[in-house]
C-alpha atoms as a PDB file:
ATOM      1  CA  MET A   1     -39.971 -25.272 435.897  1.00  0.00           C
ATOM      2  CA  ALA A   2     -38.180 -26.489 433.231  1.00  0.00           C
ATOM      3  CA  THR A   3     -37.953 -25.122 430.299  1.00  0.00           C
ATOM      4  CA  LYS A   4     -37.210 -27.075 427.077  1.00  0.00           C
ATOM      5  CA  LEU A   5     -35.601 -26.064 424.179  1.00  0.00           C
ATOM      6  CA  PHE A   6     -36.176 -26.646 421.072  1.00  0.00           C
ATOM      7  CA  ARG A   7     -33.305 -26.652 418.024  1.00  0.00           C
ATOM      8  CA  ARG A   8     -34.447 -24.138 415.271  1.00  0.00           C
ATOM      9  CA  VAL A   9     -34.441 -25.748 412.158  1.00  0.00           C
ATOM     10  CA  ASP A  10     -33.715 -24.377 409.020  1.00  0.00           C
ATOM     11  CA  ARG A  11     -36.858 -23.627 407.453  1.00  0.00           C
ATOM     12  CA  ARG A  12     -34.964 -23.460 403.708  1.00  0.00           C
ATOM     13  CA  THR A  13     -33.171 -26.551 404.468  1.00  0.00           C
ATOM     14  CA  VAL A  14     -36.310 -28.463 405.018  1.00  0.00           C
ATOM     15  CA  PHE A  15     -38.255 -27.714 402.487  1.00  0.00           C
ATOM     16  CA  ASP A  16     -34.954 -27.618 399.933  1.00  0.00           C
ATOM     17  CA  GLU A  17     -35.049 -31.346 400.819  1.00  0.00           C
ATOM     18  CA  ILE A  18     -38.605 -32.237 400.086  1.00  0.00           C
ATOM     19  CA  THR A  19     -38.468 -30.131 397.292  1.00  0.00           C
ATOM     20  CA  GLU A  20     -35.148 -32.283 396.330  1.00  0.00           C
ATOM     21  CA  ARG A  21     -37.180 -35.867 396.909  1.00  0.00           C
ATOM     22  CA  ALA A  22     -40.329 -34.396 395.203  1.00  0.00           C
ATOM     23  CA  GLU A  23     -38.261 -33.639 392.726  1.00  0.00           C
ATOM     24  CA  ASP A  24     -35.790 -36.969 392.906  1.00  0.00           C
ATOM     25  CA  GLY A  25     -39.002 -39.616 392.987  1.00  0.00           C
ATOM     26  CA  PRO A  26     -40.306 -38.944 390.243  1.00  0.00           C
ATOM     27  CA  THR A  27     -37.142 -39.295 388.302  1.00  0.00           C
ATOM     28  CA  ASP A  28     -36.208 -42.538 390.348  1.00  0.00           C
ATOM     29  CA  GLY A  29     -39.669 -44.108 388.869  1.00  0.00           C
ATOM     30  CA  MET A  30     -38.697 -43.098 385.404  1.00  0.00           C
ATOM     31  CA  ASP A  31     -35.657 -44.564 385.378  1.00  0.00           C
ATOM     32  CA  ARG A  32     -36.891 -47.730 386.631  1.00  0.00           C
ATOM     33  CA  GLN A  33     -39.272 -47.438 383.916  1.00  0.00           C
ATOM     34  CA  THR A  34     -36.592 -46.686 381.519  1.00  0.00           C
ATOM     35  CA  GLN A  35     -34.718 -49.733 382.934  1.00  0.00           C
ATOM     36  CA  ALA A  36     -38.020 -51.860 382.412  1.00  0.00           C
ATOM     37  CA  ASP A  37     -38.798 -50.649 379.135  1.00  0.00           C
ATOM     38  CA  ASP A  38     -34.669 -51.613 378.014  1.00  0.00           C
ATOM     39  CA  ALA A  39     -35.148 -55.171 379.242  1.00  0.00           C
ATOM     40  CA  ALA A  40     -38.119 -55.517 378.311  1.00  0.00           C
ATOM     41  CA  ALA A  41     -36.925 -54.579 374.493  1.00  0.00           C
ATOM     42  CA  ASP A  42     -33.488 -56.644 375.345  1.00  0.00           C
ATOM     43  CA  ALA A  43     -35.876 -59.508 376.027  1.00  0.00           C
ATOM     44  CA  ALA A  44     -37.516 -59.428 372.698  1.00  0.00           C
ATOM     45  CA  ASP A  45     -34.460 -58.606 370.658  1.00  0.00           C
ATOM     46  CA  GLN A  46     -33.144 -61.840 372.750  1.00  0.00           C
ATOM     47  CA  THR A  47     -36.516 -63.687 372.081  1.00  0.00           C
ATOM     48  CA  GLU A  48     -35.985 -62.475 368.194  1.00  0.00           C
ATOM     49  CA  SER A  49     -32.348 -63.715 367.909  1.00  0.00           C
ATOM     50  CA  ASP A  50     -33.114 -66.951 369.538  1.00  0.00           C
ATOM     51  CA  GLY A  51     -35.982 -67.119 366.988  1.00  0.00           C
ATOM     52  CA  SER A  52     -33.917 -66.303 364.299  1.00  0.00           C
ATOM     53  CA  ASP A  53     -31.326 -68.667 365.069  1.00  0.00           C
ATOM     54  CA  ALA A  54     -33.703 -71.457 365.818  1.00  0.00           C
ATOM     55  CA  SER A  55     -34.698 -70.675 362.323  1.00  0.00           C
ATOM     56  CA  SER A  56     -31.494 -70.644 360.811  1.00  0.00           C
ATOM     57  CA  SER A  57     -31.056 -74.128 362.680  1.00  0.00           C
ATOM     58  CA  ALA A  58     -34.021 -75.509 361.307  1.00  0.00           C
ATOM     59  CA  VAL A  59     -33.376 -74.359 357.800  1.00  0.00           C
ATOM     60  CA  GLU A  60     -29.732 -75.454 358.050  1.00  0.00           C
ATOM     61  CA  ASP A  61     -30.901 -78.692 359.956  1.00  0.00           C
ATOM     62  CA  GLY A  62     -33.544 -79.347 357.585  1.00  0.00           C
ATOM     63  CA  PRO A  63     -33.432 -80.731 353.960  1.00  0.00           C
ATOM     64  CA  LYS A  64     -32.176 -77.793 351.328  1.00  0.00           C
ATOM     65  CA  VAL A  65     -33.775 -77.382 348.250  1.00  0.00           C
ATOM     66  CA  GLU A  66     -30.874 -78.564 346.190  1.00  0.00           C
ATOM     67  CA  ASP A  67     -30.762 -81.596 348.000  1.00  0.00           C
ATOM     68  CA  ILE A  68     -33.990 -82.245 347.296  1.00  0.00           C
ATOM     69  CA  ASP A  69     -33.945 -81.521 343.550  1.00  0.00           C
ATOM     70  CA  THR A  70     -30.608 -83.551 343.814  1.00  0.00           C
ATOM     71  CA  ASP A  71     -32.501 -86.578 345.194  1.00  0.00           C
ATOM     72  CA  ALA A  72     -35.244 -86.046 342.945  1.00  0.00           C
ATOM     73  CA  LYS A  73     -32.836 -85.702 339.913  1.00  0.00           C
ATOM     74  CA  ALA A  74     -31.089 -88.843 341.390  1.00  0.00           C
ATOM     75  CA  GLU A  75     -34.296 -91.003 341.425  1.00  0.00           C
ATOM     76  CA  THR A  76     -35.545 -89.885 338.168  1.00  0.00           C
ATOM     77  CA  GLY A  77     -32.034 -90.814 336.873  1.00  0.00           C
ATOM     78  CA  GLY A  78     -32.663 -94.325 338.188  1.00  0.00           C
ATOM     79  CA  GLU A  79     -36.066 -94.600 336.671  1.00  0.00           C
ATOM     80  CA  GLN A  80     -35.210 -93.704 333.264  1.00  0.00           C
ATOM     81  CA  SER A  81     -31.805 -96.455 333.716  1.00  0.00           C
ATOM     82  CA  THR A  82     -34.236 -98.974 335.004  1.00  0.00           C
ATOM     83  CA  ARG A  83     -36.469 -98.384 332.003  1.00  0.00           C
ATOM     84  CA  SER A  84     -33.626 -98.069 329.946  1.00  0.00           C
ATOM     85  CA  ARG A  85     -32.316-101.400 331.043  1.00  0.00           C
ATOM     86  CA  GLY A  86     -35.457-103.127 330.460  1.00  0.00           C
ATOM     87  CA  GLY A  87     -35.893-101.755 326.811  1.00  0.00           C
ATOM     88  CA  ARG A  88     -32.587-103.058 326.293  1.00  0.00           C
ATOM     89  CA  TRP A  89     -33.714-106.599 327.553  1.00  0.00           C
ATOM     90  CA  LEU A  90     -36.513-106.233 325.520  1.00  0.00           C
ATOM     91  CA  ALA A  91     -34.735-105.451 322.498  1.00  0.00           C
ATOM     92  CA  ARG A  92     -32.408-107.988 322.723  1.00  0.00           C
ATOM     93  CA  LEU A  93     -35.537-110.567 323.564  1.00  0.00           C
ATOM     94  CA  ALA A  94     -37.199-109.189 320.605  1.00  0.00           C
ATOM     95  CA  VAL A  95     -33.770-109.732 318.504  1.00  0.00           C
ATOM     96  CA  VAL A  96     -33.704-113.422 319.958  1.00  0.00           C
ATOM     97  CA  PHE A  97     -37.427-114.116 319.377  1.00  0.00           C
ATOM     98  CA  ALA A  98     -37.377-112.868 315.539  1.00  0.00           C
ATOM     99  CA  ALA A  99     -33.974-114.765 315.331  1.00  0.00           C
ATOM    100  CA  ILE A 100     -35.536-117.837 316.368  1.00  0.00           C
ATOM    101  CA  ALA A 101     -38.455-117.355 314.021  1.00  0.00           C
ATOM    102  CA  PHE A 102     -36.586-116.612 311.169  1.00  0.00           C
ATOM    103  CA  VAL A 103     -34.510-119.999 311.588  1.00  0.00           C
ATOM    104  CA  ALA A 104     -38.147-121.811 312.169  1.00  0.00           C
ATOM    105  CA  ALA A 105     -39.378-120.156 309.086  1.00  0.00           C
ATOM    106  CA  CYS A 106     -36.384-121.291 306.791  1.00  0.00           C
ATOM    107  CA  SER A 107     -36.965-124.487 308.395  1.00  0.00           C
ATOM    108  CA  ALA A 108     -40.025-125.005 307.078  1.00  0.00           C
ATOM    109  CA  THR A 109     -39.718-123.466 304.064  1.00  0.00           C
ATOM    110  CA  GLY A 110     -36.448-126.026 303.201  1.00  0.00           C
ATOM    111  CA  PHE A 111     -39.154-128.871 304.627  1.00  0.00           C
ATOM    112  CA  PHE A 112     -41.862-128.066 302.779  1.00  0.00           C
ATOM    113  CA  GLY A 113     -39.726-127.280 300.111  1.00  0.00           C
ATOM    114  CA  TRP A 114     -38.052-130.663 300.225  1.00  0.00           C
ATOM    115  CA  GLN A 115     -41.541-132.487 300.854  1.00  0.00           C
ATOM    116  CA  TYR A 116     -42.486-130.359 297.527  1.00  0.00           C
ATOM    117  CA  GLN A 117     -39.753-131.490 295.383  1.00  0.00           C
ATOM    118  CA  HIS A 118     -40.004-134.969 296.580  1.00  0.00           C
ATOM    119  CA  GLN A 119     -43.861-135.443 295.633  1.00  0.00           C
ATOM    120  CA  ARG A 120     -42.639-133.927 292.735  1.00  0.00           C
ATOM    121  CA  ASP A 121     -40.276-136.566 291.722  1.00  0.00           C
ATOM    122  CA  VAL A 122     -42.574-139.352 293.036  1.00  0.00           C
ATOM    123  CA  ASP A 123     -45.322-137.855 290.222  1.00  0.00           C
ATOM    124  CA  ASN A 124     -43.070-137.607 287.590  1.00  0.00           C
ATOM    125  CA  ALA A 125     -41.943-141.375 288.533  1.00  0.00           C
ATOM    126  CA  ALA A 126     -45.676-142.462 288.384  1.00  0.00           C
ATOM    127  CA  ARG A 127     -46.288-141.133 285.437  1.00  0.00           C
ATOM    128  CA  SER A 128     -43.093-142.265 283.501  1.00  0.00           C
ATOM    129  CA  ALA A 129     -43.349-146.005 284.842  1.00  0.00           C
ATOM    130  CA  LEU A 130     -47.422-145.892 284.104  1.00  0.00           C
ATOM    131  CA  ALA A 131     -46.465-144.989 280.144  1.00  0.00           C
ATOM    132  CA  ALA A 132     -43.475-147.456 280.297  1.00  0.00           C
ATOM    133  CA  ALA A 133     -46.221-150.300 281.367  1.00  0.00           C
ATOM    134  CA  GLU A 134     -48.602-149.638 279.084  1.00  0.00           C
ATOM    135  CA  GLN A 135     -46.159-150.021 276.411  1.00  0.00           C
ATOM    136  CA  PHE A 136     -44.558-153.071 277.774  1.00  0.00           C
ATOM    137  CA  ALA A 137     -48.220-154.167 277.913  1.00  0.00           C
ATOM    138  CA  VAL A 138     -49.064-153.924 274.834  1.00  0.00           C
ATOM    139  CA  THR A 139     -45.671-155.476 273.677  1.00  0.00           C
ATOM    140  CA  LEU A 140     -46.448-158.890 275.544  1.00  0.00           C
ATOM    141  CA  THR A 141     -49.501-159.395 274.772  1.00  0.00           C
ATOM    142  CA  SER A 142     -49.161-158.566 271.186  1.00  0.00           C
ATOM    143  CA  ILE A 143     -47.531-161.419 268.972  1.00  0.00           C
ATOM    144  CA  ASP A 144     -46.773-162.136 265.098  1.00  0.00           C
ATOM    145  CA  THR A 145     -45.751-165.791 264.433  1.00  0.00           C
ATOM    146  CA  ASN A 146     -43.795-163.762 261.144  1.00  0.00           C
ATOM    147  CA  ALA A 147     -41.420-161.906 263.629  1.00  0.00           C
ATOM    148  CA  VAL A 148     -41.479-163.987 267.027  1.00  0.00           C
ATOM    149  CA  ASP A 149     -37.990-163.489 267.599  1.00  0.00           C
ATOM    150  CA  ALA A 150     -37.964-159.644 267.494  1.00  0.00           C
ATOM    151  CA  ASN A 151     -41.040-159.709 269.617  1.00  0.00           C
ATOM    152  CA  PHE A 152     -39.269-161.652 272.615  1.00  0.00           C
ATOM    153  CA  THR A 153     -36.381-159.627 272.126  1.00  0.00           C
ATOM    154  CA  GLN A 154     -38.592-156.578 272.693  1.00  0.00           C
ATOM    155  CA  VAL A 155     -39.632-158.201 275.815  1.00  0.00           C
ATOM    156  CA  VAL A 156     -36.576-159.287 277.398  1.00  0.00           C
ATOM    157  CA  ASP A 157     -35.056-155.670 276.527  1.00  0.00           C
ATOM    158  CA  ASN A 158     -38.088-154.296 278.619  1.00  0.00           C
ATOM    159  CA  SER A 159     -38.033-156.388 281.580  1.00  0.00           C
ATOM    160  CA  THR A 160     -35.644-156.917 284.449  1.00  0.00           C
ATOM    161  CA  GLY A 161     -35.507-159.431 287.849  1.00  0.00           C
ATOM    162  CA  ASP A 162     -37.513-162.441 288.203  1.00  0.00           C
ATOM    163  CA  PHE A 163     -39.542-161.803 285.072  1.00  0.00           C
ATOM    164  CA  LYS A 164     -37.138-161.372 283.007  1.00  0.00           C
ATOM    165  CA  ASP A 165     -35.177-164.569 283.832  1.00  0.00           C
ATOM    166  CA  MET A 166     -38.821-166.524 283.576  1.00  0.00           C
ATOM    167  CA  TYR A 167     -39.186-165.285 280.348  1.00  0.00           C
ATOM    168  CA  SER A 168     -36.014-165.832 278.869  1.00  0.00           C
ATOM    169  CA  GLN A 169     -35.703-169.601 280.124  1.00  0.00           C
ATOM    170  CA  SER A 170     -39.533-170.264 278.536  1.00  0.00           C
ATOM    171  CA  ALA A 171     -38.927-168.196 275.517  1.00  0.00           C
ATOM    172  CA  SER A 172     -37.654-171.324 273.414  1.00  0.00           C
ATOM    173  CA  GLN A 173     -40.135-173.496 273.980  1.00  0.00           C
ATOM    174  CA  LEU A 174     -42.901-170.544 273.866  1.00  0.00           C
ATOM    175  CA  ARG A 175     -41.386-169.759 270.358  1.00  0.00           C
ATOM    176  CA  GLN A 176     -41.854-172.912 268.965  1.00  0.00           C
ATOM    177  CA  VAL A 177     -45.931-173.376 269.868  1.00  0.00           C
ATOM    178  CA  LEU A 178     -46.460-170.032 268.362  1.00  0.00           C
ATOM    179  CA  ILE A 179     -44.862-170.501 265.209  1.00  0.00           C
ATOM    180  CA  ASP A 180     -46.533-174.709 265.030  1.00  0.00           C
ATOM    181  CA  ASN A 181     -49.816-172.938 265.853  1.00  0.00           C
ATOM    182  CA  LYS A 182     -49.521-169.993 263.839  1.00  0.00           C
ATOM    183  CA  ALA A 183     -50.893-167.500 266.684  1.00  0.00           C
ATOM    184  CA  MET A 184     -51.590-164.345 266.250  1.00  0.00           C
ATOM    185  CA  SER A 185     -52.578-161.565 268.634  1.00  0.00           C
ATOM    186  CA  LYS A 186     -53.492-157.528 268.894  1.00  0.00           C
ATOM    187  CA  GLY A 187     -53.147-156.395 272.838  1.00  0.00           C
ATOM    188  CA  THR A 188     -54.707-152.773 273.392  1.00  0.00           C
ATOM    189  CA  VAL A 189     -54.702-151.385 277.009  1.00  0.00           C
ATOM    190  CA  VAL A 190     -58.292-150.373 277.795  1.00  0.00           C
ATOM    191  CA  ASP A 191     -57.361-148.545 281.268  1.00  0.00           C
ATOM    192  CA  SER A 192     -54.476-148.379 283.949  1.00  0.00           C
ATOM    193  CA  ALA A 193     -53.940-146.889 287.274  1.00  0.00           C
ATOM    194  CA  VAL A 194     -51.024-146.552 289.744  1.00  0.00           C
ATOM    195  CA  LYS A 195     -51.663-148.391 292.576  1.00  0.00           C
ATOM    196  CA  SER A 196     -48.025-147.106 294.685  1.00  0.00           C
ATOM    197  CA  ALA A 197     -45.367-145.487 293.747  1.00  0.00           C
ATOM    198  CA  THR A 198     -41.558-143.995 295.079  1.00  0.00           C
ATOM    199  CA  LYS A 199     -38.632-142.241 292.898  1.00  0.00           C
ATOM    200  CA  THR A 200     -37.578-146.064 291.770  1.00  0.00           C
ATOM    201  CA  GLU A 201     -40.486-148.534 292.034  1.00  0.00           C
ATOM    202  CA  VAL A 202     -44.398-147.992 290.822  1.00  0.00           C
ATOM    203  CA  LYS A 203     -46.824-150.953 291.192  1.00  0.00           C
ATOM    204  CA  VAL A 204     -49.785-150.073 288.338  1.00  0.00           C
ATOM    205  CA  VAL A 205     -52.718-152.232 287.477  1.00  0.00           C
ATOM    206  CA  LEU A 206     -53.700-152.678 283.723  1.00  0.00           C
ATOM    207  CA  PHE A 207     -56.549-153.790 282.262  1.00  0.00           C
ATOM    208  CA  VAL A 208     -55.916-155.219 278.560  1.00  0.00           C
ATOM    209  CA  ASP A 209     -57.763-156.347 275.654  1.00  0.00           C
ATOM    210  CA  GLN A 210     -56.450-159.202 273.557  1.00  0.00           C
ATOM    211  CA  TRP A 211     -57.620-160.281 270.009  1.00  0.00           C
ATOM    212  CA  ILE A 212     -56.255-164.065 269.480  1.00  0.00           C
ATOM    213  CA  THR A 213     -56.326-166.066 266.007  1.00  0.00           C
ATOM    214  CA  ASN A 214     -54.574-169.412 265.525  1.00  0.00           C
ATOM    215  CA  THR A 215     -55.241-172.460 263.539  1.00  0.00           C
ATOM    216  CA  ALA A 216     -57.627-173.640 265.790  1.00  0.00           C
ATOM    217  CA  SER A 217     -59.679-170.393 265.992  1.00  0.00           C
ATOM    218  CA  PRO A 218     -59.259-168.917 262.536  1.00  0.00           C
ATOM    219  CA  GLN A 219     -61.836-166.021 263.708  1.00  0.00           C
ATOM    220  CA  PRO A 220     -60.690-163.739 265.771  1.00  0.00           C
ATOM    221  CA  ARG A 221     -61.591-164.125 269.428  1.00  0.00           C
ATOM    222  CA  LEU A 222     -61.074-161.267 272.518  1.00  0.00           C
ATOM    223  CA  ASP A 223     -59.681-162.057 275.578  1.00  0.00           C
ATOM    224  CA  ARG A 224     -59.513-159.538 278.622  1.00  0.00           C
ATOM    225  CA  SER A 225     -57.202-159.403 281.202  1.00  0.00           C
ATOM    226  CA  ARG A 226     -56.371-157.477 284.207  1.00  0.00           C
ATOM    227  CA  VAL A 227     -52.379-157.203 284.596  1.00  0.00           C
ATOM    228  CA  ALA A 228     -50.882-156.101 287.559  1.00  0.00           C
ATOM    229  CA  MET A 229     -47.486-154.765 287.020  1.00  0.00           C
ATOM    230  CA  THR A 230     -44.027-153.548 288.998  1.00  0.00           C
ATOM    231  CA  MET A 231     -41.682-151.392 287.192  1.00  0.00           C
ATOM    232  CA  GLN A 232     -38.215-150.779 288.383  1.00  0.00           C
ATOM    233  CA  LEU A 233     -35.807-147.613 287.353  1.00  0.00           C
ATOM    234  CA  VAL A 234     -32.855-149.255 286.490  1.00  0.00           C
ATOM    235  CA  ASP A 235     -30.394-147.035 284.471  1.00  0.00           C
ATOM    236  CA  GLY A 236     -32.679-144.615 283.629  1.00  0.00           C
ATOM    237  CA  ARG A 237     -35.070-146.711 282.279  1.00  0.00           C
ATOM    238  CA  TRP A 238     -38.484-148.051 284.041  1.00  0.00           C
ATOM    239  CA  LEU A 239     -38.370-151.861 283.221  1.00  0.00           C
ATOM    240  CA  ALA A 240     -40.953-154.330 283.979  1.00  0.00           C
ATOM    241  CA  SER A 241     -39.481-156.932 287.120  1.00  0.00           C
ATOM    242  CA  SER A 242     -42.957-158.702 287.928  1.00  0.00           C
ATOM    243  CA  VAL A 243     -46.080-159.530 285.683  1.00  0.00           C
ATOM    244  CA  GLU A 244     -48.915-161.326 287.345  1.00  0.00           C
ATOM    245  CA  LEU A 245     -52.348-161.871 285.172  1.00  0.00           C
ATOM    246  CA  LYS A 246     -55.601-161.548 287.621  1.00  0.00           C
END
């Protein structure tokens, strides 16, 4: 019969080892938990760091407030510059239009002033010529055989042109006829008007009543005539250049 021999195990040693393992087990778990917690904290710190870096990068990469303000000021300055240039152009256009209006007003004033003065000169000429024509008609139609020469001289002195030449040529023959017939006449202008007028020539129409006596008709008789006369300005005097009995 075989006898089994058993090696004696030291009880203390076994229990001590168990106890050590028991004591080491929780400690290793706690160490692993601590390591896990540390790893999580490190990950969180890294995440926060990455977030901060990303935020910083985003802030750095994005438009800065100062840049935005500068761009806004630049745009505002550009708008103000454009408005300023537009205002200057408008001011220049206003000045140009004002100058044109001033020149036009001066031209219009000058034209109307000239026209007014011209018309005034023509009116003055018409009045003066008409008065001279009325006086000449009285001289032409009034005859006194006792002063024929003086009468003829007045007619020639207040006439010009063709009428003056014609009257001068016939004066000597007419003079003798008037003297022989003892003719007398007295002319009166009843009415007169201006047909047309310039500053140097005026055409008029006169209605003349003429009382006539002679040896053949001792009693005065009335002769009414319509006389068309042209007056011309010669050396400052209005003279008859044409006389027609109508």
